[in-house]
Amino acid sequence: TAERRARIEDSFAQSPRTYLAYKIPPGSTRDTEALALLAGILYDGASSRLNQKLVKETEVAVGVGGALDPRRGPGLLMMVLQPAPGRDEAALLKVYDDVLAQIQTQGISATDLERARTRVRLARAMTLQQSMQRATLLGEFETKFGGAENANQRSAWLESITADDVKRVASVFLKPERRSILTVATGGSGSPVLKAGATPPGATVSSVER
């Protein structure tokens, strides 16, 4: 398996975007909780690693975001980067990859871990205040993740995640060969047009609140 790339020219797009999607394990595994914490550290809030490095320090982007999509089978961790005017995608992805590499080689601090864990706890607690959201969650676990009773298991898993777990899932699941990159460019006419992207060297073209 190799990194996959594609490009869309969209006349309706107000600005260019770069989307990255990584294949992750089924949502019924402990690693999903480690990935939820990693996702928060990467893109959730002004203090996130990607916002600090891409938006504030290097100014190669004007915005970052993402979503975790756990499923019965393999799921997705998705991120979106909005390049700053005059910055090309290669420079943007270089800084992005440097942020990932730092976590993969050096790991995260205990402070980063607890901050991310607190944000996930809070987001989930706020969601569960609504009866409809509680019912949706239980239904999701019943049909996709082995039974409604397993909704409680994720809380235990969340509390058990260590900084080493976050470093490990970053190294295992956020590798270039596990990702697809979609470039959305402005311009063109009519409906969006999908084009095969440039093949990178060595490659061939072939939700946190859950």
C-alpha atoms as a PDB file:
ATOM      1  CA  THR A   1       0.000   0.000   0.000  1.00  0.00           C
ATOM      2  CA  ALA A   2       1.256   3.477  -0.876  1.00  0.00           C
ATOM      3  CA  GLU A   3       0.149   7.042  -0.344  1.00  0.00           C
ATOM      4  CA  ARG A   4      -2.689   8.008  -2.680  1.00  0.00           C
ATOM      5  CA  ARG A   5      -3.253  11.491  -4.111  1.00  0.00           C
ATOM      6  CA  ALA A   6      -5.962  13.188  -6.118  1.00  0.00           C
ATOM      7  CA  ARG A   7      -6.835  16.750  -7.091  1.00  0.00           C
ATOM      8  CA  ILE A   8     -10.196  18.460  -7.620  1.00  0.00           C
ATOM      9  CA  GLU A   9     -10.721  21.780  -9.387  1.00  0.00           C
ATOM     10  CA  ASP A  10     -13.865  23.293  -7.880  1.00  0.00           C
ATOM     11  CA  SER A  11     -15.321  26.504  -9.274  1.00  0.00           C
ATOM     12  CA  PHE A  12     -17.446  26.840  -6.112  1.00  0.00           C
ATOM     13  CA  ALA A  13     -14.542  26.559  -3.654  1.00  0.00           C
ATOM     14  CA  GLN A  14     -13.848  29.863  -1.902  1.00  0.00           C
ATOM     15  CA  SER A  15     -10.275  28.861  -1.059  1.00  0.00           C
ATOM     16  CA  PRO A  16      -7.948  25.905  -1.618  1.00  0.00           C
ATOM     17  CA  ARG A  17      -7.916  23.026   0.861  1.00  0.00           C
ATOM     18  CA  THR A  18      -5.790  19.962   1.498  1.00  0.00           C
ATOM     19  CA  TYR A  19      -7.574  16.959   3.001  1.00  0.00           C
ATOM     20  CA  LEU A  20      -5.716  14.025   4.559  1.00  0.00           C
ATOM     21  CA  ALA A  21      -7.372  10.752   5.582  1.00  0.00           C
ATOM     22  CA  TYR A  22      -5.689   7.897   7.455  1.00  0.00           C
ATOM     23  CA  LYS A  23      -7.002   4.362   7.795  1.00  0.00           C
ATOM     24  CA  ILE A  24      -7.422   3.415  11.467  1.00  0.00           C
ATOM     25  CA  PRO A  25      -8.548   0.237  13.256  1.00  0.00           C
ATOM     26  CA  PRO A  26     -12.198  -0.608  14.066  1.00  0.00           C
ATOM     27  CA  GLY A  27     -13.903   1.597  16.648  1.00  0.00           C
ATOM     28  CA  SER A  28     -14.303  -1.252  19.147  1.00  0.00           C
ATOM     29  CA  THR A  29     -10.596  -1.215  20.051  1.00  0.00           C
ATOM     30  CA  ARG A  30      -8.628   0.563  22.777  1.00  0.00           C
ATOM     31  CA  ASP A  31      -6.484   2.229  20.133  1.00  0.00           C
ATOM     32  CA  THR A  32      -9.502   4.318  19.107  1.00  0.00           C
ATOM     33  CA  GLU A  33      -9.249   6.132  22.444  1.00  0.00           C
ATOM     34  CA  ALA A  34      -5.542   6.764  21.945  1.00  0.00           C
ATOM     35  CA  LEU A  35      -6.328   8.120  18.484  1.00  0.00           C
ATOM     36  CA  ALA A  36      -9.036  10.383  19.942  1.00  0.00           C
ATOM     37  CA  LEU A  37      -6.427  11.909  22.245  1.00  0.00           C
ATOM     38  CA  LEU A  38      -3.904  12.197  19.418  1.00  0.00           C
ATOM     39  CA  ALA A  39      -6.509  13.921  17.245  1.00  0.00           C
ATOM     40  CA  GLY A  40      -7.191  16.471  19.974  1.00  0.00           C
ATOM     41  CA  ILE A  41      -3.496  17.178  20.410  1.00  0.00           C
ATOM     42  CA  LEU A  42      -3.059  17.662  16.675  1.00  0.00           C
ATOM     43  CA  TYR A  43      -5.983  19.883  15.682  1.00  0.00           C
ATOM     44  CA  ASP A  44      -8.419  20.650  18.511  1.00  0.00           C
ATOM     45  CA  GLY A  45      -8.276  24.289  19.566  1.00  0.00           C
ATOM     46  CA  ALA A  46      -5.866  27.204  19.379  1.00  0.00           C
ATOM     47  CA  SER A  47      -3.219  25.382  21.432  1.00  0.00           C
ATOM     48  CA  SER A  48      -3.163  22.302  19.177  1.00  0.00           C
ATOM     49  CA  ARG A  49       0.139  21.306  17.588  1.00  0.00           C
ATOM     50  CA  LEU A  50      -0.986  21.944  14.012  1.00  0.00           C
ATOM     51  CA  ASN A  51      -2.537  25.317  14.778  1.00  0.00           C
ATOM     52  CA  GLN A  52       0.522  26.475  16.687  1.00  0.00           C
ATOM     53  CA  LYS A  53       3.016  25.346  14.057  1.00  0.00           C
ATOM     54  CA  LEU A  54       1.186  25.816  10.749  1.00  0.00           C
ATOM     55  CA  VAL A  55      -0.919  28.889  11.536  1.00  0.00           C
ATOM     56  CA  LYS A  56       0.952  30.858  14.180  1.00  0.00           C
ATOM     57  CA  GLU A  57       4.653  30.034  13.828  1.00  0.00           C
ATOM     58  CA  THR A  58       5.318  29.284  10.154  1.00  0.00           C
ATOM     59  CA  GLU A  59       2.145  30.914   8.750  1.00  0.00           C
ATOM     60  CA  VAL A  60       1.865  28.317   5.990  1.00  0.00           C
ATOM     61  CA  ALA A  61      -1.830  27.855   6.805  1.00  0.00           C
ATOM     62  CA  VAL A  62      -4.740  30.016   7.899  1.00  0.00           C
ATOM     63  CA  GLY A  63      -6.764  27.178   9.393  1.00  0.00           C
ATOM     64  CA  VAL A  64      -6.642  23.512  10.428  1.00  0.00           C
ATOM     65  CA  GLY A  65      -9.272  21.025  11.507  1.00  0.00           C
ATOM     66  CA  GLY A  66     -10.165  17.371  11.567  1.00  0.00           C
ATOM     67  CA  ALA A  67     -12.519  14.579  12.547  1.00  0.00           C
ATOM     68  CA  LEU A  68     -12.284  11.044  13.901  1.00  0.00           C
ATOM     69  CA  ASP A  69     -14.672   8.593  12.224  1.00  0.00           C
ATOM     70  CA  PRO A  70     -14.654   5.212  14.020  1.00  0.00           C
ATOM     71  CA  ARG A  71     -16.564   2.418  12.289  1.00  0.00           C
ATOM     72  CA  ARG A  72     -17.410  -1.264  12.694  1.00  0.00           C
ATOM     73  CA  GLY A  73     -14.571  -2.048  10.316  1.00  0.00           C
ATOM     74  CA  PRO A  74     -11.561   0.173   9.581  1.00  0.00           C
ATOM     75  CA  GLY A  75     -12.319   3.841  10.229  1.00  0.00           C
ATOM     76  CA  LEU A  76     -10.768   7.159   9.293  1.00  0.00           C
ATOM     77  CA  LEU A  77      -8.849   9.959  10.952  1.00  0.00           C
ATOM     78  CA  MET A  78      -9.266  12.997   8.739  1.00  0.00           C
ATOM     79  CA  MET A  79      -7.573  16.384   8.745  1.00  0.00           C
ATOM     80  CA  VAL A  80      -8.031  19.497   6.638  1.00  0.00           C
ATOM     81  CA  LEU A  81      -5.463  22.229   6.077  1.00  0.00           C
ATOM     82  CA  GLN A  82      -6.219  25.620   4.523  1.00  0.00           C
ATOM     83  CA  PRO A  83      -3.019  27.012   2.997  1.00  0.00           C
ATOM     84  CA  ALA A  84      -2.177  30.665   3.482  1.00  0.00           C
ATOM     85  CA  PRO A  85      -2.254  32.875   0.357  1.00  0.00           C
ATOM     86  CA  GLY A  86       0.951  32.485  -1.617  1.00  0.00           C
ATOM     87  CA  ARG A  87       2.000  29.267   0.133  1.00  0.00           C
ATOM     88  CA  ASP A  88       2.164  26.108  -1.931  1.00  0.00           C
ATOM     89  CA  GLU A  89       0.969  22.694  -0.834  1.00  0.00           C
ATOM     90  CA  ALA A  90       4.451  21.175  -0.731  1.00  0.00           C
ATOM     91  CA  ALA A  91       5.562  23.676   1.918  1.00  0.00           C
ATOM     92  CA  LEU A  92       2.345  23.132   3.846  1.00  0.00           C
ATOM     93  CA  LEU A  93       2.721  19.343   3.897  1.00  0.00           C
ATOM     94  CA  LYS A  94       6.398  19.595   4.827  1.00  0.00           C
ATOM     95  CA  VAL A  95       5.571  21.498   8.025  1.00  0.00           C
ATOM     96  CA  TYR A  96       2.607  19.184   8.688  1.00  0.00           C
ATOM     97  CA  ASP A  97       4.821  16.107   8.382  1.00  0.00           C
ATOM     98  CA  ASP A  98       7.389  17.684  10.704  1.00  0.00           C
ATOM     99  CA  VAL A  99       4.689  18.071  13.384  1.00  0.00           C
ATOM    100  CA  LEU A 100       3.734  14.420  13.041  1.00  0.00           C
ATOM    101  CA  ALA A 101       7.362  13.295  13.064  1.00  0.00           C
ATOM    102  CA  GLN A 102       7.996  15.141  16.320  1.00  0.00           C
ATOM    103  CA  ILE A 103       5.197  13.209  18.048  1.00  0.00           C
ATOM    104  CA  GLN A 104       6.274   9.931  16.449  1.00  0.00           C
ATOM    105  CA  THR A 105       9.891  10.299  17.591  1.00  0.00           C
ATOM    106  CA  GLN A 106       9.680  12.363  20.788  1.00  0.00           C
ATOM    107  CA  GLY A 107       6.179  11.592  22.019  1.00  0.00           C
ATOM    108  CA  ILE A 108       4.023  13.990  24.040  1.00  0.00           C
ATOM    109  CA  SER A 109       4.242  15.426  27.525  1.00  0.00           C
ATOM    110  CA  ALA A 110       2.096  14.431  30.483  1.00  0.00           C
ATOM    111  CA  THR A 111       0.572  17.911  30.341  1.00  0.00           C
ATOM    112  CA  ASP A 112      -0.433  17.458  26.692  1.00  0.00           C
ATOM    113  CA  LEU A 113      -1.959  14.093  27.508  1.00  0.00           C
ATOM    114  CA  GLU A 114      -4.054  15.323  30.432  1.00  0.00           C
ATOM    115  CA  ARG A 115      -5.198  18.426  28.569  1.00  0.00           C
ATOM    116  CA  ALA A 116      -6.398  16.275  25.670  1.00  0.00           C
ATOM    117  CA  ARG A 117      -8.072  13.796  28.011  1.00  0.00           C
ATOM    118  CA  THR A 118      -9.920  16.592  29.797  1.00  0.00           C
ATOM    119  CA  ARG A 119     -11.192  18.006  26.501  1.00  0.00           C
ATOM    120  CA  VAL A 120     -12.518  14.608  25.418  1.00  0.00           C
ATOM    121  CA  ARG A 121     -14.195  14.031  28.805  1.00  0.00           C
ATOM    122  CA  LEU A 122     -15.857  17.450  28.638  1.00  0.00           C
ATOM    123  CA  ALA A 123     -17.041  17.055  25.039  1.00  0.00           C
ATOM    124  CA  ARG A 124     -18.563  13.683  25.798  1.00  0.00           C
ATOM    125  CA  ALA A 125     -20.181  14.825  29.043  1.00  0.00           C
ATOM    126  CA  MET A 126     -21.841  17.744  27.262  1.00  0.00           C
ATOM    127  CA  THR A 127     -23.094  15.463  24.491  1.00  0.00           C
ATOM    128  CA  LEU A 128     -24.576  12.942  26.946  1.00  0.00           C
ATOM    129  CA  GLN A 129     -26.690  15.609  28.638  1.00  0.00           C
ATOM    130  CA  GLN A 130     -29.141  15.236  25.745  1.00  0.00           C
ATOM    131  CA  SER A 131     -31.444  12.196  25.761  1.00  0.00           C
ATOM    132  CA  MET A 132     -31.371  11.875  21.992  1.00  0.00           C
ATOM    133  CA  GLN A 133     -27.569  11.888  21.939  1.00  0.00           C
ATOM    134  CA  ARG A 134     -27.441   9.218  24.659  1.00  0.00           C
ATOM    135  CA  ALA A 135     -29.846   7.041  22.683  1.00  0.00           C
ATOM    136  CA  THR A 136     -27.831   7.552  19.503  1.00  0.00           C
ATOM    137  CA  LEU A 137     -24.615   6.580  21.283  1.00  0.00           C
ATOM    138  CA  LEU A 138     -26.118   3.402  22.755  1.00  0.00           C
ATOM    139  CA  GLY A 139     -27.607   2.471  19.397  1.00  0.00           C
ATOM    140  CA  GLU A 140     -24.267   3.007  17.710  1.00  0.00           C
ATOM    141  CA  PHE A 141     -22.490   0.732  20.173  1.00  0.00           C
ATOM    142  CA  GLU A 142     -25.236  -1.886  19.957  1.00  0.00           C
ATOM    143  CA  THR A 143     -25.099  -2.098  16.177  1.00  0.00           C
ATOM    144  CA  LYS A 144     -21.451  -1.325  15.439  1.00  0.00           C
ATOM    145  CA  PHE A 145     -19.244  -1.946  18.450  1.00  0.00           C
ATOM    146  CA  GLY A 146     -20.312  -5.209  20.075  1.00  0.00           C
ATOM    147  CA  GLY A 147     -23.148  -4.093  22.358  1.00  0.00           C
ATOM    148  CA  ALA A 148     -24.512  -1.045  24.174  1.00  0.00           C
ATOM    149  CA  GLU A 149     -22.733  -2.077  27.384  1.00  0.00           C
ATOM    150  CA  ASN A 150     -19.413  -1.390  25.677  1.00  0.00           C
ATOM    151  CA  ALA A 151     -20.144   2.336  25.784  1.00  0.00           C
ATOM    152  CA  ASN A 152     -18.867   2.205  29.354  1.00  0.00           C
ATOM    153  CA  GLN A 153     -15.706   0.404  28.288  1.00  0.00           C
ATOM    154  CA  ARG A 154     -14.473   3.354  26.274  1.00  0.00           C
ATOM    155  CA  SER A 155     -14.355   5.506  29.437  1.00  0.00           C
ATOM    156  CA  ALA A 156     -12.095   2.967  31.120  1.00  0.00           C
ATOM    157  CA  TRP A 157      -9.936   2.806  28.015  1.00  0.00           C
ATOM    158  CA  LEU A 158      -9.739   6.596  27.844  1.00  0.00           C
ATOM    159  CA  GLU A 159      -8.472   6.799  31.420  1.00  0.00           C
ATOM    160  CA  SER A 160      -5.886   4.064  30.796  1.00  0.00           C
ATOM    161  CA  ILE A 161      -4.212   5.680  27.778  1.00  0.00           C
ATOM    162  CA  THR A 162      -0.593   6.707  28.364  1.00  0.00           C
ATOM    163  CA  ALA A 163       1.717   9.079  26.517  1.00  0.00           C
ATOM    164  CA  ASP A 164       3.474   6.014  25.081  1.00  0.00           C
ATOM    165  CA  ASP A 165       0.148   4.792  23.673  1.00  0.00           C
ATOM    166  CA  VAL A 166      -0.345   8.098  21.849  1.00  0.00           C
ATOM    167  CA  LYS A 167       3.187   7.983  20.460  1.00  0.00           C
ATOM    168  CA  ARG A 168       2.656   4.375  19.327  1.00  0.00           C
ATOM    169  CA  VAL A 169      -0.610   4.976  17.449  1.00  0.00           C
ATOM    170  CA  ALA A 170       0.908   8.054  15.799  1.00  0.00           C
ATOM    171  CA  SER A 171       3.807   5.921  14.571  1.00  0.00           C
ATOM    172  CA  VAL A 172       1.684   2.953  13.477  1.00  0.00           C
ATOM    173  CA  PHE A 173      -1.402   4.576  11.949  1.00  0.00           C
ATOM    174  CA  LEU A 174      -0.251   7.999  10.721  1.00  0.00           C
ATOM    175  CA  LYS A 175       2.325   6.750   8.252  1.00  0.00           C
ATOM    176  CA  PRO A 176       2.352   8.147   4.687  1.00  0.00           C
ATOM    177  CA  GLU A 177       1.492   4.756   3.204  1.00  0.00           C
ATOM    178  CA  ARG A 178      -1.755   4.693   5.204  1.00  0.00           C
ATOM    179  CA  ARG A 179      -3.037   8.046   3.988  1.00  0.00           C
ATOM    180  CA  SER A 180      -4.877   9.580   1.061  1.00  0.00           C
ATOM    181  CA  ILE A 181      -4.451  13.255   0.179  1.00  0.00           C
ATOM    182  CA  LEU A 182      -7.083  15.229  -1.694  1.00  0.00           C
ATOM    183  CA  THR A 183      -6.226  18.687  -2.978  1.00  0.00           C
ATOM    184  CA  VAL A 184      -9.159  20.997  -3.645  1.00  0.00           C
ATOM    185  CA  ALA A 185      -8.136  23.875  -5.917  1.00  0.00           C
ATOM    186  CA  THR A 186     -10.184  26.918  -6.825  1.00  0.00           C
ATOM    187  CA  GLY A 187     -11.080  27.639 -10.426  1.00  0.00           C
ATOM    188  CA  GLY A 188     -12.324  25.541 -13.288  1.00  0.00           C
ATOM    189  CA  SER A 189     -15.858  25.728 -14.603  1.00  0.00           C
ATOM    190  CA  GLY A 190     -19.061  23.823 -14.018  1.00  0.00           C
ATOM    191  CA  SER A 191     -19.001  20.753 -11.779  1.00  0.00           C
ATOM    192  CA  PRO A 192     -15.863  19.878  -9.797  1.00  0.00           C
ATOM    193  CA  VAL A 193     -13.344  17.887 -11.844  1.00  0.00           C
ATOM    194  CA  LEU A 194     -11.351  15.070 -10.249  1.00  0.00           C
ATOM    195  CA  LYS A 195      -7.804  14.606 -11.484  1.00  0.00           C
ATOM    196  CA  ALA A 196      -5.085  12.172 -10.497  1.00  0.00           C
ATOM    197  CA  GLY A 197      -2.529  13.926  -8.336  1.00  0.00           C
ATOM    198  CA  ALA A 198       1.187  13.989  -8.850  1.00  0.00           C
ATOM    199  CA  THR A 199       2.757  10.806  -7.592  1.00  0.00           C
ATOM    200  CA  PRO A 200       5.121  11.494  -4.680  1.00  0.00           C
ATOM    201  CA  PRO A 201       8.564   9.856  -4.701  1.00  0.00           C
ATOM    202  CA  GLY A 202       8.331   6.183  -3.873  1.00  0.00           C
ATOM    203  CA  ALA A 203       4.525   6.090  -4.112  1.00  0.00           C
ATOM    204  CA  THR A 204       1.997   4.955  -6.651  1.00  0.00           C
ATOM    205  CA  VAL A 205      -1.460   6.309  -7.398  1.00  0.00           C
ATOM    206  CA  SER A 206      -3.872   3.503  -6.932  1.00  0.00           C
ATOM    207  CA  SER A 207     -15.669  12.442  15.128  1.00  0.00           C
ATOM    208  CA  VAL A 208     -13.481  12.938  18.909  1.00  0.00           C
ATOM    209  CA  GLU A 209     -16.946  13.156  20.465  1.00  0.00           C
ATOM    210  CA  ARG A 210     -18.043   9.661  19.547  1.00  0.00           C
END
